[in-house]
C-alpha atoms as a PDB file:
ATOM      1  CA  UNK A   1      -0.005  -0.078  -0.023  1.00  0.00           C
ATOM      2  CA  UNK A   2       1.408   3.452  -0.856  1.00  0.00           C
ATOM      3  CA  UNK A   3       0.786   6.815   0.860  1.00  0.00           C
ATOM      4  CA  UNK A   4      -2.000   7.705  -1.560  1.00  0.00           C
ATOM      5  CA  UNK A   5      -3.833   4.534  -0.845  1.00  0.00           C
ATOM      6  CA  UNK A   6      -3.257   4.999   3.030  1.00  0.00           C
ATOM      7  CA  UNK A   7      -4.642   8.497   2.963  1.00  0.00           C
ATOM      8  CA  UNK A   8      -7.731   7.415   0.902  1.00  0.00           C
ATOM      9  CA  UNK A   9      -8.427   4.539   3.333  1.00  0.00           C
ATOM     10  CA  UNK A  10      -8.275   6.957   6.237  1.00  0.00           C
ATOM     11  CA  UNK A  11     -10.340   9.665   4.626  1.00  0.00           C
ATOM     12  CA  UNK A  12     -13.091   7.074   3.657  1.00  0.00           C
ATOM     13  CA  UNK A  13     -13.469   6.012   7.367  1.00  0.00           C
ATOM     14  CA  UNK A  14     -15.997   8.304   8.945  1.00  0.00           C
ATOM     15  CA  UNK A  15     -14.248   8.203  12.377  1.00  0.00           C
ATOM     16  CA  UNK A  16     -10.967   9.367  11.146  1.00  0.00           C
ATOM     17  CA  UNK A  17     -10.961  13.057  10.247  1.00  0.00           C
ATOM     18  CA  UNK A  18      -7.192  13.302   9.552  1.00  0.00           C
ATOM     19  CA  UNK A  19      -5.588  15.795   7.199  1.00  0.00           C
ATOM     20  CA  UNK A  20      -3.351  14.309   4.512  1.00  0.00           C
ATOM     21  CA  UNK A  21      -0.144  14.979   6.468  1.00  0.00           C
ATOM     22  CA  UNK A  22      -1.464  12.768   9.281  1.00  0.00           C
ATOM     23  CA  UNK A  23      -2.518  10.082   6.855  1.00  0.00           C
ATOM     24  CA  UNK A  24       1.119  10.054   5.541  1.00  0.00           C
ATOM     25  CA  UNK A  25       2.341   9.977   9.209  1.00  0.00           C
ATOM     26  CA  UNK A  26       0.088   6.984   9.974  1.00  0.00           C
ATOM     27  CA  UNK A  27       1.376   5.351   6.746  1.00  0.00           C
ATOM     28  CA  UNK A  28       5.014   5.704   7.762  1.00  0.00           C
ATOM     29  CA  UNK A  29       4.379   4.333  11.243  1.00  0.00           C
ATOM     30  CA  UNK A  30       2.441   1.400   9.892  1.00  0.00           C
ATOM     31  CA  UNK A  31       4.835   0.522   7.301  1.00  0.00           C
ATOM     32  CA  UNK A  32       2.136   0.580   4.704  1.00  0.00           C
ATOM     33  CA  UNK A  33       0.278  -2.430   6.101  1.00  0.00           C
ATOM     34  CA  UNK A  34      -3.502  -1.866   6.031  1.00  0.00           C
ATOM     35  CA  UNK A  35      -4.142  -3.619   9.323  1.00  0.00           C
ATOM     36  CA  UNK A  36      -1.497  -1.609  11.094  1.00  0.00           C
ATOM     37  CA  UNK A  37      -2.575   1.621   9.375  1.00  0.00           C
ATOM     38  CA  UNK A  38      -6.029   1.330  11.118  1.00  0.00           C
ATOM     39  CA  UNK A  39      -4.308   0.486  14.423  1.00  0.00           C
ATOM     40  CA  UNK A  40      -2.116   3.505  14.278  1.00  0.00           C
ATOM     41  CA  UNK A  41      -5.014   5.761  13.375  1.00  0.00           C
ATOM     42  CA  UNK A  42      -7.123   4.461  16.233  1.00  0.00           C
ATOM     43  CA  UNK A  43      -4.193   4.993  18.704  1.00  0.00           C
ATOM     44  CA  UNK A  44      -3.529   8.502  17.560  1.00  0.00           C
ATOM     45  CA  UNK A  45      -7.295   9.223  17.815  1.00  0.00           C
ATOM     46  CA  UNK A  46      -7.360   7.902  21.365  1.00  0.00           C
ATOM     47  CA  UNK A  47      -4.193   9.742  22.399  1.00  0.00           C
ATOM     48  CA  UNK A  48      -5.585  13.043  20.931  1.00  0.00           C
ATOM     49  CA  UNK A  49      -8.855  12.598  22.893  1.00  0.00           C
ATOM     50  CA  UNK A  50      -6.789  12.044  26.123  1.00  0.00           C
ATOM     51  CA  UNK A  51      -4.771  15.297  25.459  1.00  0.00           C
ATOM     52  CA  UNK A  52      -7.967  17.316  24.686  1.00  0.00           C
ATOM     53  CA  UNK A  53      -9.689  15.977  27.845  1.00  0.00           C
ATOM     54  CA  UNK A  54      -6.753  16.838  30.157  1.00  0.00           C
ATOM     55  CA  UNK A  55      -4.151  19.059  28.441  1.00  0.00           C
ATOM     56  CA  UNK A  56      -2.252  19.846  31.601  1.00  0.00           C
ATOM     57  CA  UNK A  57      -1.399  16.150  32.122  1.00  0.00           C
ATOM     58  CA  UNK A  58       0.424  15.784  28.812  1.00  0.00           C
ATOM     59  CA  UNK A  59       3.573  17.816  28.220  1.00  0.00           C
ATOM     60  CA  UNK A  60       5.812  17.977  25.126  1.00  0.00           C
ATOM     61  CA  UNK A  61       8.603  15.482  25.390  1.00  0.00           C
ATOM     62  CA  UNK A  62      11.986  17.399  25.071  1.00  0.00           C
ATOM     63  CA  UNK A  63      14.290  16.149  22.364  1.00  0.00           C
ATOM     64  CA  UNK A  64      17.056  13.878  23.611  1.00  0.00           C
ATOM     65  CA  UNK A  65      20.526  15.500  23.618  1.00  0.00           C
ATOM     66  CA  UNK A  66      21.669  12.519  21.676  1.00  0.00           C
ATOM     67  CA  UNK A  67      19.400  13.686  18.809  1.00  0.00           C
ATOM     68  CA  UNK A  68      20.518  17.310  19.149  1.00  0.00           C
ATOM     69  CA  UNK A  69      24.296  16.522  18.775  1.00  0.00           C
ATOM     70  CA  UNK A  70      24.148  15.006  15.268  1.00  0.00           C
ATOM     71  CA  UNK A  71      21.968  17.845  14.081  1.00  0.00           C
ATOM     72  CA  UNK A  72      24.468  20.486  15.248  1.00  0.00           C
ATOM     73  CA  UNK A  73      27.288  18.407  13.859  1.00  0.00           C
ATOM     74  CA  UNK A  74      25.586  18.361  10.345  1.00  0.00           C
ATOM     75  CA  UNK A  75      24.634  22.049  10.592  1.00  0.00           C
ATOM     76  CA  UNK A  76      28.231  22.907  11.261  1.00  0.00           C
ATOM     77  CA  UNK A  77      29.188  21.228   7.980  1.00  0.00           C
ATOM     78  CA  UNK A  78      31.326  18.486   9.473  1.00  0.00           C
END
């Protein structure tokens, strides 16, 4: 299944109102497998509902220092 197929599958399902970018995100997380695509979309929907219900409980996760170092290394042209 390609990204176009994945976004079409998600847009046809009435309980998934995802923009195309989220459809592509779900596709990448699912590896293009239809069963996993639906699982990922359901999980994101549940997590979104939790955040909307109690936004103070959920905080943004900071980027790990291990991820920041390679980015600075590449930005410096090394």
